[in-house]
């Protein structure tokens, strides 16, 4: 079902008319200071394939709906699902994310504040971030058991991002707290760097021009918790990135991640496709006037 949906969305996007859209960053975990354009809606369909130590492999697709509320505020809703081979398929919850740009003009370092509310269960396996002492052995329990354990969490991030000679370099510090359990604050990090394959734009619309491709890398992992802020005994990953943005606003992304510590999953493979709807807010407003 996932691959059929992915192919249908890709075919729809390729058939859409051309439009001028800003280049998307290829990150899956890290965030940059680039927010959604005001009034635009971006629809994303992503999925992760993961191998589990001591458990069956899994696929976890999720949908994202990102809207540019203002020039300094982007809001986004996630819908998470997962399928564990030999087990079951289920909906695991939703997330509501907000990013606030603190400085409107471009600076050497551009800070963004991120806050997210999560209403998910223990069966969620999207691995949108790694915090605390998250381990590759955490997700081997059957879905019938983990789906009963509800997590309501608040997640915050300090995003520091810079654009330097075509490169985007982003550093994220993550703090997460379970609101219905006496667990301490857990910490994590994500670092990303990427650039287009060509800085000079072509004089005509072109899907296969080098400037439409971006390559980079992400490094992310856990930093323990409030009682033990450490790299020891935590999971860490190294992930190359590649994205391709078409002239009609469609972006395709691919990223294999490799575990660097004994606590990490051996491999995480992420794929994604997104399509941007420009002036969506204005169109909805005109529809209901």
C-alpha atoms as a PDB file:
ATOM      1  CA  UNK A   1       0.000   0.000   0.000  1.00  0.00           C
ATOM      2  CA  UNK A   2       2.834   2.393   0.840  1.00  0.00           C
ATOM      3  CA  UNK A   3       4.676   1.957  -2.440  1.00  0.00           C
ATOM      4  CA  UNK A   4       1.431   2.109  -4.441  1.00  0.00           C
ATOM      5  CA  UNK A   5       0.496   5.378  -2.730  1.00  0.00           C
ATOM      6  CA  UNK A   6       4.000   6.731  -3.284  1.00  0.00           C
ATOM      7  CA  UNK A   7       3.851   5.951  -7.006  1.00  0.00           C
ATOM      8  CA  UNK A   8       0.374   7.517  -7.339  1.00  0.00           C
ATOM      9  CA  UNK A   9       1.506  10.711  -5.595  1.00  0.00           C
ATOM     10  CA  UNK A  10       4.630  10.862  -7.760  1.00  0.00           C
ATOM     11  CA  UNK A  11       2.583  10.413 -10.947  1.00  0.00           C
ATOM     12  CA  UNK A  12       0.156  13.145  -9.850  1.00  0.00           C
ATOM     13  CA  UNK A  13       2.991  15.539  -9.040  1.00  0.00           C
ATOM     14  CA  UNK A  14       4.751  14.924 -12.354  1.00  0.00           C
ATOM     15  CA  UNK A  15       1.521  15.674 -14.211  1.00  0.00           C
ATOM     16  CA  UNK A  16       0.951  18.995 -12.422  1.00  0.00           C
ATOM     17  CA  UNK A  17       1.834  22.232 -14.203  1.00  0.00           C
ATOM     18  CA  UNK A  18       5.132  23.957 -13.633  1.00  0.00           C
ATOM     19  CA  UNK A  19       5.484  26.535 -10.875  1.00  0.00           C
ATOM     20  CA  UNK A  20       8.328  28.400  -9.231  1.00  0.00           C
ATOM     21  CA  UNK A  21       9.120  26.908  -5.806  1.00  0.00           C
ATOM     22  CA  UNK A  22      12.039  27.472  -3.461  1.00  0.00           C
ATOM     23  CA  UNK A  23      14.498  24.605  -3.057  1.00  0.00           C
ATOM     24  CA  UNK A  24      13.653  22.226  -0.191  1.00  0.00           C
ATOM     25  CA  UNK A  25      16.277  21.030   2.263  1.00  0.00           C
ATOM     26  CA  UNK A  26      16.756  17.237   2.220  1.00  0.00           C
ATOM     27  CA  UNK A  27      16.763  16.730   6.012  1.00  0.00           C
ATOM     28  CA  UNK A  28      14.589  14.097   7.686  1.00  0.00           C
ATOM     29  CA  UNK A  29      15.672  14.740  11.308  1.00  0.00           C
ATOM     30  CA  UNK A  30      17.428  18.118  11.462  1.00  0.00           C
ATOM     31  CA  UNK A  31      15.643  21.432  10.795  1.00  0.00           C
ATOM     32  CA  UNK A  32      16.998  24.591   9.192  1.00  0.00           C
ATOM     33  CA  UNK A  33      15.793  28.189   9.631  1.00  0.00           C
ATOM     34  CA  UNK A  34      13.905  28.092   6.321  1.00  0.00           C
ATOM     35  CA  UNK A  35      10.163  28.101   7.061  1.00  0.00           C
ATOM     36  CA  UNK A  36       7.215  27.469   4.756  1.00  0.00           C
ATOM     37  CA  UNK A  37       6.235  30.460   2.609  1.00  0.00           C
ATOM     38  CA  UNK A  38       3.229  32.321   4.129  1.00  0.00           C
ATOM     39  CA  UNK A  39      -0.056  30.927   2.813  1.00  0.00           C
ATOM     40  CA  UNK A  40       1.542  27.856   1.204  1.00  0.00           C
ATOM     41  CA  UNK A  41       0.635  24.282   2.156  1.00  0.00           C
ATOM     42  CA  UNK A  42       3.114  21.458   1.723  1.00  0.00           C
ATOM     43  CA  UNK A  43       1.876  17.854   1.786  1.00  0.00           C
ATOM     44  CA  UNK A  44       4.517  15.206   2.492  1.00  0.00           C
ATOM     45  CA  UNK A  45       4.382  11.427   2.427  1.00  0.00           C
ATOM     46  CA  UNK A  46       7.387   9.769   4.074  1.00  0.00           C
ATOM     47  CA  UNK A  47       8.334   6.328   5.258  1.00  0.00           C
ATOM     48  CA  UNK A  48      11.123   4.556   7.063  1.00  0.00           C
ATOM     49  CA  UNK A  49      12.327   0.973   6.773  1.00  0.00           C
ATOM     50  CA  UNK A  50      14.237  -0.263   9.813  1.00  0.00           C
ATOM     51  CA  UNK A  51      15.955  -3.436  10.902  1.00  0.00           C
ATOM     52  CA  UNK A  52      15.512  -4.358  14.563  1.00  0.00           C
ATOM     53  CA  UNK A  53      17.918  -6.211  16.824  1.00  0.00           C
ATOM     54  CA  UNK A  54      16.013  -9.102  18.344  1.00  0.00           C
ATOM     55  CA  UNK A  55      12.829  -8.269  16.420  1.00  0.00           C
ATOM     56  CA  UNK A  56      11.208  -8.183  12.999  1.00  0.00           C
ATOM     57  CA  UNK A  57      11.872  -5.479  10.433  1.00  0.00           C
ATOM     58  CA  UNK A  58       9.333  -2.687  10.068  1.00  0.00           C
ATOM     59  CA  UNK A  59       7.958   0.005   7.783  1.00  0.00           C
ATOM     60  CA  UNK A  60       6.584   3.212   9.355  1.00  0.00           C
ATOM     61  CA  UNK A  61       4.878   5.640   6.925  1.00  0.00           C
ATOM     62  CA  UNK A  62       3.677   9.066   8.069  1.00  0.00           C
ATOM     63  CA  UNK A  63       1.921  12.049   6.515  1.00  0.00           C
ATOM     64  CA  UNK A  64       2.837  15.703   7.105  1.00  0.00           C
ATOM     65  CA  UNK A  65       0.761  18.809   6.424  1.00  0.00           C
ATOM     66  CA  UNK A  66       2.912  21.938   6.751  1.00  0.00           C
ATOM     67  CA  UNK A  67       1.375  25.413   6.503  1.00  0.00           C
ATOM     68  CA  UNK A  68       3.084  28.797   6.451  1.00  0.00           C
ATOM     69  CA  UNK A  69       0.924  30.783   8.885  1.00  0.00           C
ATOM     70  CA  UNK A  70       3.142  33.910   8.755  1.00  0.00           C
ATOM     71  CA  UNK A  71       6.648  34.828   7.718  1.00  0.00           C
ATOM     72  CA  UNK A  72       7.896  33.874  11.191  1.00  0.00           C
ATOM     73  CA  UNK A  73       5.576  30.957  12.088  1.00  0.00           C
ATOM     74  CA  UNK A  74       5.133  27.571  10.412  1.00  0.00           C
ATOM     75  CA  UNK A  75       2.738  24.977  11.825  1.00  0.00           C
ATOM     76  CA  UNK A  76       2.548  21.292  10.923  1.00  0.00           C
ATOM     77  CA  UNK A  77       0.503  18.168  11.704  1.00  0.00           C
ATOM     78  CA  UNK A  78       1.859  14.598  11.512  1.00  0.00           C
ATOM     79  CA  UNK A  79      -0.167  11.367  11.235  1.00  0.00           C
ATOM     80  CA  UNK A  80       1.929   8.289  12.118  1.00  0.00           C
ATOM     81  CA  UNK A  81       1.454   4.615  11.235  1.00  0.00           C
ATOM     82  CA  UNK A  82       3.607   1.501  11.222  1.00  0.00           C
ATOM     83  CA  UNK A  83       3.738  -2.098  10.029  1.00  0.00           C
ATOM     84  CA  UNK A  84       5.931  -4.657  11.789  1.00  0.00           C
ATOM     85  CA  UNK A  85       6.538  -7.756   9.654  1.00  0.00           C
ATOM     86  CA  UNK A  86       4.999 -10.836  11.230  1.00  0.00           C
ATOM     87  CA  UNK A  87       2.965  -8.682  13.636  1.00  0.00           C
ATOM     88  CA  UNK A  88       0.371  -6.047  12.649  1.00  0.00           C
ATOM     89  CA  UNK A  89      -0.349  -2.644  11.094  1.00  0.00           C
ATOM     90  CA  UNK A  90      -1.727   0.213  13.153  1.00  0.00           C
ATOM     91  CA  UNK A  91      -2.181   3.966  13.508  1.00  0.00           C
ATOM     92  CA  UNK A  92       0.170   5.172  16.259  1.00  0.00           C
ATOM     93  CA  UNK A  93      -0.914   8.782  16.850  1.00  0.00           C
ATOM     94  CA  UNK A  94      -0.455  12.372  15.822  1.00  0.00           C
ATOM     95  CA  UNK A  95       1.934  15.271  16.430  1.00  0.00           C
ATOM     96  CA  UNK A  96       1.410  19.028  16.238  1.00  0.00           C
ATOM     97  CA  UNK A  97       4.565  21.009  15.523  1.00  0.00           C
ATOM     98  CA  UNK A  98       5.232  24.758  15.512  1.00  0.00           C
ATOM     99  CA  UNK A  99       8.391  26.598  14.488  1.00  0.00           C
ATOM    100  CA  UNK A 100       9.004  30.262  15.280  1.00  0.00           C
ATOM    101  CA  UNK A 101      11.762  32.228  13.602  1.00  0.00           C
ATOM    102  CA  UNK A 102      13.269  34.641  16.150  1.00  0.00           C
ATOM    103  CA  UNK A 103      15.083  36.955  13.688  1.00  0.00           C
ATOM    104  CA  UNK A 104      13.394  37.837  10.413  1.00  0.00           C
ATOM    105  CA  UNK A 105      16.419  39.087   8.474  1.00  0.00           C
ATOM    106  CA  UNK A 106      19.203  36.780   7.356  1.00  0.00           C
ATOM    107  CA  UNK A 107      22.109  36.581   9.835  1.00  0.00           C
ATOM    108  CA  UNK A 108      25.304  34.598  10.193  1.00  0.00           C
ATOM    109  CA  UNK A 109      23.423  32.333  12.638  1.00  0.00           C
ATOM    110  CA  UNK A 110      19.607  32.217  12.465  1.00  0.00           C
ATOM    111  CA  UNK A 111      17.826  30.906  15.588  1.00  0.00           C
ATOM    112  CA  UNK A 112      14.440  29.160  15.445  1.00  0.00           C
ATOM    113  CA  UNK A 113      12.393  27.913  18.408  1.00  0.00           C
ATOM    114  CA  UNK A 114      10.508  24.641  17.916  1.00  0.00           C
ATOM    115  CA  UNK A 115       7.752  23.181  20.110  1.00  0.00           C
ATOM    116  CA  UNK A 116       5.757  20.019  19.440  1.00  0.00           C
ATOM    117  CA  UNK A 117       2.934  18.199  21.218  1.00  0.00           C
ATOM    118  CA  UNK A 118       2.852  14.428  20.703  1.00  0.00           C
ATOM    119  CA  UNK A 119      -0.103  12.128  21.350  1.00  0.00           C
ATOM    120  CA  UNK A 120       1.252   8.745  20.335  1.00  0.00           C
ATOM    121  CA  UNK A 121       1.586   5.235  21.726  1.00  0.00           C
ATOM    122  CA  UNK A 122       4.652   3.103  22.411  1.00  0.00           C
ATOM    123  CA  UNK A 123       4.205   1.348  19.068  1.00  0.00           C
ATOM    124  CA  UNK A 124       5.255   4.508  17.174  1.00  0.00           C
ATOM    125  CA  UNK A 125       8.400   3.776  15.144  1.00  0.00           C
ATOM    126  CA  UNK A 126       8.866   6.797  12.886  1.00  0.00           C
ATOM    127  CA  UNK A 127      12.176   7.743  14.582  1.00  0.00           C
ATOM    128  CA  UNK A 128      11.655  11.449  13.923  1.00  0.00           C
ATOM    129  CA  UNK A 129      14.325  12.084  16.544  1.00  0.00           C
ATOM    130  CA  UNK A 130      16.537  10.185  18.978  1.00  0.00           C
ATOM    131  CA  UNK A 131      16.636  11.321  22.614  1.00  0.00           C
ATOM    132  CA  UNK A 132      17.732  10.021  25.995  1.00  0.00           C
ATOM    133  CA  UNK A 133      18.855   6.406  25.996  1.00  0.00           C
ATOM    134  CA  UNK A 134      16.702   5.288  23.042  1.00  0.00           C
ATOM    135  CA  UNK A 135      17.903   1.868  21.900  1.00  0.00           C
ATOM    136  CA  UNK A 136      17.377  -0.473  18.994  1.00  0.00           C
ATOM    137  CA  UNK A 137      15.944  -2.973  21.489  1.00  0.00           C
ATOM    138  CA  UNK A 138      13.130  -0.640  22.616  1.00  0.00           C
ATOM    139  CA  UNK A 139      10.711  -1.631  19.852  1.00  0.00           C
ATOM    140  CA  UNK A 140      10.781  -5.432  19.906  1.00  0.00           C
ATOM    141  CA  UNK A 141       7.654  -5.877  22.063  1.00  0.00           C
ATOM    142  CA  UNK A 142       4.490  -6.967  20.176  1.00  0.00           C
ATOM    143  CA  UNK A 143       2.238  -4.213  18.870  1.00  0.00           C
ATOM    144  CA  UNK A 144      -0.671  -5.590  20.898  1.00  0.00           C
ATOM    145  CA  UNK A 145       1.206  -4.593  24.066  1.00  0.00           C
ATOM    146  CA  UNK A 146       2.875  -1.334  23.043  1.00  0.00           C
ATOM    147  CA  UNK A 147      -0.285   0.158  21.486  1.00  0.00           C
ATOM    148  CA  UNK A 148      -1.889   0.266  24.958  1.00  0.00           C
ATOM    149  CA  UNK A 149       0.881   2.463  26.394  1.00  0.00           C
ATOM    150  CA  UNK A 150      -0.014   6.076  25.604  1.00  0.00           C
ATOM    151  CA  UNK A 151       2.622   8.830  25.495  1.00  0.00           C
ATOM    152  CA  UNK A 152       1.726  12.496  25.663  1.00  0.00           C
ATOM    153  CA  UNK A 153       4.953  14.424  25.308  1.00  0.00           C
ATOM    154  CA  UNK A 154       6.217  17.937  24.791  1.00  0.00           C
ATOM    155  CA  UNK A 155       9.284  18.310  22.596  1.00  0.00           C
ATOM    156  CA  UNK A 156      11.319  21.480  22.171  1.00  0.00           C
ATOM    157  CA  UNK A 157      14.255  22.307  19.937  1.00  0.00           C
ATOM    158  CA  UNK A 158      16.675  25.162  19.582  1.00  0.00           C
ATOM    159  CA  UNK A 159      17.536  25.351  15.885  1.00  0.00           C
ATOM    160  CA  UNK A 160      20.651  27.261  14.811  1.00  0.00           C
ATOM    161  CA  UNK A 161      21.062  27.476  11.059  1.00  0.00           C
ATOM    162  CA  UNK A 162      23.413  29.242   8.628  1.00  0.00           C
ATOM    163  CA  UNK A 163      23.663  29.608   4.854  1.00  0.00           C
ATOM    164  CA  UNK A 164      27.331  29.900   3.823  1.00  0.00           C
ATOM    165  CA  UNK A 165      28.502  29.903   0.179  1.00  0.00           C
ATOM    166  CA  UNK A 166      25.706  27.602  -0.961  1.00  0.00           C
ATOM    167  CA  UNK A 167      25.892  25.358   2.080  1.00  0.00           C
ATOM    168  CA  UNK A 168      23.210  25.114   4.730  1.00  0.00           C
ATOM    169  CA  UNK A 169      24.573  24.098   8.129  1.00  0.00           C
ATOM    170  CA  UNK A 170      22.061  23.385  10.889  1.00  0.00           C
ATOM    171  CA  UNK A 171      22.475  22.393  14.535  1.00  0.00           C
ATOM    172  CA  UNK A 172      19.510  21.246  16.641  1.00  0.00           C
ATOM    173  CA  UNK A 173      19.456  20.701  20.403  1.00  0.00           C
ATOM    174  CA  UNK A 174      16.436  18.622  21.461  1.00  0.00           C
ATOM    175  CA  UNK A 175      14.679  18.359  24.841  1.00  0.00           C
ATOM    176  CA  UNK A 176      11.675  16.049  25.380  1.00  0.00           C
ATOM    177  CA  UNK A 177       9.419  15.399  28.405  1.00  0.00           C
ATOM    178  CA  UNK A 178       6.675  12.826  28.971  1.00  0.00           C
ATOM    179  CA  UNK A 179       3.672  14.697  30.401  1.00  0.00           C
ATOM    180  CA  UNK A 180       1.900  11.695  31.966  1.00  0.00           C
ATOM    181  CA  UNK A 181       4.866   9.932  33.568  1.00  0.00           C
ATOM    182  CA  UNK A 182       7.473  11.096  36.102  1.00  0.00           C
ATOM    183  CA  UNK A 183      10.289  10.584  33.596  1.00  0.00           C
ATOM    184  CA  UNK A 184      13.060  13.228  33.516  1.00  0.00           C
ATOM    185  CA  UNK A 185      13.720  15.527  30.571  1.00  0.00           C
ATOM    186  CA  UNK A 186      15.546  13.638  27.810  1.00  0.00           C
ATOM    187  CA  UNK A 187      18.013  15.254  25.425  1.00  0.00           C
ATOM    188  CA  UNK A 188      19.246  14.674  21.898  1.00  0.00           C
ATOM    189  CA  UNK A 189      20.891  16.426  18.972  1.00  0.00           C
ATOM    190  CA  UNK A 190      20.795  16.582  15.186  1.00  0.00           C
ATOM    191  CA  UNK A 191      23.390  18.108  12.869  1.00  0.00           C
ATOM    192  CA  UNK A 192      22.837  18.610   9.141  1.00  0.00           C
ATOM    193  CA  UNK A 193      24.782  20.036   6.226  1.00  0.00           C
ATOM    194  CA  UNK A 194      23.795  20.138   2.560  1.00  0.00           C
ATOM    195  CA  UNK A 195      24.261  22.097  -0.658  1.00  0.00           C
ATOM    196  CA  UNK A 196      22.957  21.998  -4.257  1.00  0.00           C
ATOM    197  CA  UNK A 197      25.132  20.270  -6.841  1.00  0.00           C
ATOM    198  CA  UNK A 198      25.324  23.584  -8.733  1.00  0.00           C
ATOM    199  CA  UNK A 199      24.929  27.123  -7.412  1.00  0.00           C
ATOM    200  CA  UNK A 200      24.173  28.855 -10.711  1.00  0.00           C
ATOM    201  CA  UNK A 201      20.566  28.513 -11.873  1.00  0.00           C
ATOM    202  CA  UNK A 202      19.760  27.547 -15.461  1.00  0.00           C
ATOM    203  CA  UNK A 203      18.073  30.229 -17.616  1.00  0.00           C
ATOM    204  CA  UNK A 204      15.102  27.899 -18.280  1.00  0.00           C
ATOM    205  CA  UNK A 205      12.932  25.507 -16.290  1.00  0.00           C
ATOM    206  CA  UNK A 206      14.698  22.192 -16.077  1.00  0.00           C
ATOM    207  CA  UNK A 207      13.942  19.086 -13.987  1.00  0.00           C
ATOM    208  CA  UNK A 208      17.347  17.479 -14.468  1.00  0.00           C
ATOM    209  CA  UNK A 209      19.528  20.537 -13.981  1.00  0.00           C
ATOM    210  CA  UNK A 210      22.191  20.101 -11.315  1.00  0.00           C
ATOM    211  CA  UNK A 211      20.860  22.920  -9.131  1.00  0.00           C
ATOM    212  CA  UNK A 212      17.687  20.880  -8.559  1.00  0.00           C
ATOM    213  CA  UNK A 213      19.649  18.214  -6.693  1.00  0.00           C
ATOM    214  CA  UNK A 214      20.897  18.656  -3.134  1.00  0.00           C
ATOM    215  CA  UNK A 215      23.300  16.334  -1.322  1.00  0.00           C
ATOM    216  CA  UNK A 216      24.370  16.346   2.299  1.00  0.00           C
ATOM    217  CA  UNK A 217      24.581  14.462   5.549  1.00  0.00           C
ATOM    218  CA  UNK A 218      22.847  14.206   8.926  1.00  0.00           C
ATOM    219  CA  UNK A 219      24.311  13.047  12.232  1.00  0.00           C
ATOM    220  CA  UNK A 220      21.896  12.573  15.125  1.00  0.00           C
ATOM    221  CA  UNK A 221      21.585  10.765  18.438  1.00  0.00           C
ATOM    222  CA  UNK A 222      20.742  10.817  22.129  1.00  0.00           C
ATOM    223  CA  UNK A 223      22.386  12.787  24.925  1.00  0.00           C
ATOM    224  CA  UNK A 224      20.969  11.050  27.991  1.00  0.00           C
ATOM    225  CA  UNK A 225      18.629  12.779  30.413  1.00  0.00           C
ATOM    226  CA  UNK A 226      18.557  15.404  33.166  1.00  0.00           C
ATOM    227  CA  UNK A 227      20.210  13.028  35.641  1.00  0.00           C
ATOM    228  CA  UNK A 228      22.886  11.776  33.240  1.00  0.00           C
ATOM    229  CA  UNK A 229      23.747  14.070  30.324  1.00  0.00           C
ATOM    230  CA  UNK A 230      26.127  11.898  28.295  1.00  0.00           C
ATOM    231  CA  UNK A 231      27.063  10.309  24.968  1.00  0.00           C
ATOM    232  CA  UNK A 232      27.768   6.955  26.646  1.00  0.00           C
ATOM    233  CA  UNK A 233      25.182   4.214  26.248  1.00  0.00           C
ATOM    234  CA  UNK A 234      23.153   6.180  23.684  1.00  0.00           C
ATOM    235  CA  UNK A 235      22.237   5.679  20.015  1.00  0.00           C
ATOM    236  CA  UNK A 236      23.913   7.655  17.231  1.00  0.00           C
ATOM    237  CA  UNK A 237      23.462   7.606  13.448  1.00  0.00           C
ATOM    238  CA  UNK A 238      25.229   8.807  10.309  1.00  0.00           C
ATOM    239  CA  UNK A 239      22.934   9.454   7.317  1.00  0.00           C
ATOM    240  CA  UNK A 240      23.832  10.631   3.766  1.00  0.00           C
ATOM    241  CA  UNK A 241      21.086  12.657   2.064  1.00  0.00           C
ATOM    242  CA  UNK A 242      19.914  13.267  -1.485  1.00  0.00           C
ATOM    243  CA  UNK A 243      16.932  15.302  -2.696  1.00  0.00           C
ATOM    244  CA  UNK A 244      15.578  16.184  -6.131  1.00  0.00           C
ATOM    245  CA  UNK A 245      13.179  19.116  -6.592  1.00  0.00           C
ATOM    246  CA  UNK A 246      11.122  19.310  -9.780  1.00  0.00           C
ATOM    247  CA  UNK A 247      10.052  22.616 -11.303  1.00  0.00           C
ATOM    248  CA  UNK A 248       6.404  21.910 -10.411  1.00  0.00           C
ATOM    249  CA  UNK A 249       7.132  21.947  -6.667  1.00  0.00           C
ATOM    250  CA  UNK A 250       7.575  18.207  -6.077  1.00  0.00           C
ATOM    251  CA  UNK A 251      10.550  17.106  -3.965  1.00  0.00           C
ATOM    252  CA  UNK A 252      11.832  13.523  -3.710  1.00  0.00           C
ATOM    253  CA  UNK A 253      14.176  12.612  -0.843  1.00  0.00           C
ATOM    254  CA  UNK A 254      16.238   9.559   0.097  1.00  0.00           C
ATOM    255  CA  UNK A 255      18.440   8.894   3.118  1.00  0.00           C
ATOM    256  CA  UNK A 256      20.011   5.662   4.449  1.00  0.00           C
ATOM    257  CA  UNK A 257      21.117   5.964   8.102  1.00  0.00           C
ATOM    258  CA  UNK A 258      23.713   3.705   9.700  1.00  0.00           C
ATOM    259  CA  UNK A 259      23.955   2.983  13.427  1.00  0.00           C
ATOM    260  CA  UNK A 260      27.276   3.984  15.021  1.00  0.00           C
ATOM    261  CA  UNK A 261      26.937   2.422  18.493  1.00  0.00           C
ATOM    262  CA  UNK A 262      25.830  -0.962  19.899  1.00  0.00           C
ATOM    263  CA  UNK A 263      22.583   0.660  21.087  1.00  0.00           C
ATOM    264  CA  UNK A 264      21.628   1.832  17.569  1.00  0.00           C
ATOM    265  CA  UNK A 265      19.541   0.105  14.927  1.00  0.00           C
ATOM    266  CA  UNK A 266      21.745  -1.396  12.256  1.00  0.00           C
ATOM    267  CA  UNK A 267      20.083   0.561   9.442  1.00  0.00           C
ATOM    268  CA  UNK A 268      17.274   3.047   8.845  1.00  0.00           C
ATOM    269  CA  UNK A 269      16.225   3.831   5.277  1.00  0.00           C
ATOM    270  CA  UNK A 270      14.009   6.885   4.723  1.00  0.00           C
ATOM    271  CA  UNK A 271      12.217   7.927   1.543  1.00  0.00           C
ATOM    272  CA  UNK A 272       9.851  10.836   1.029  1.00  0.00           C
ATOM    273  CA  UNK A 273       7.881  12.816  -1.514  1.00  0.00           C
ATOM    274  CA  UNK A 274       6.353  16.257  -0.985  1.00  0.00           C
ATOM    275  CA  UNK A 275       4.256  18.614  -3.060  1.00  0.00           C
ATOM    276  CA  UNK A 276       3.742  22.307  -2.353  1.00  0.00           C
ATOM    277  CA  UNK A 277       0.429  24.074  -2.930  1.00  0.00           C
ATOM    278  CA  UNK A 278       1.162  27.812  -3.331  1.00  0.00           C
ATOM    279  CA  UNK A 279      -1.329  30.416  -2.057  1.00  0.00           C
ATOM    280  CA  UNK A 280      -3.413  27.670  -0.426  1.00  0.00           C
ATOM    281  CA  UNK A 281      -4.570  29.958   2.381  1.00  0.00           C
ATOM    282  CA  UNK A 282      -5.769  32.646  -0.031  1.00  0.00           C
ATOM    283  CA  UNK A 283      -7.675  30.113  -2.114  1.00  0.00           C
ATOM    284  CA  UNK A 284      -9.442  28.683   0.939  1.00  0.00           C
ATOM    285  CA  UNK A 285     -10.290  32.208   2.108  1.00  0.00           C
ATOM    286  CA  UNK A 286     -11.790  33.079  -1.279  1.00  0.00           C
ATOM    287  CA  UNK A 287     -13.765  29.836  -1.309  1.00  0.00           C
ATOM    288  CA  UNK A 288     -15.537  30.633   1.968  1.00  0.00           C
ATOM    289  CA  UNK A 289     -15.989  34.373   1.535  1.00  0.00           C
END
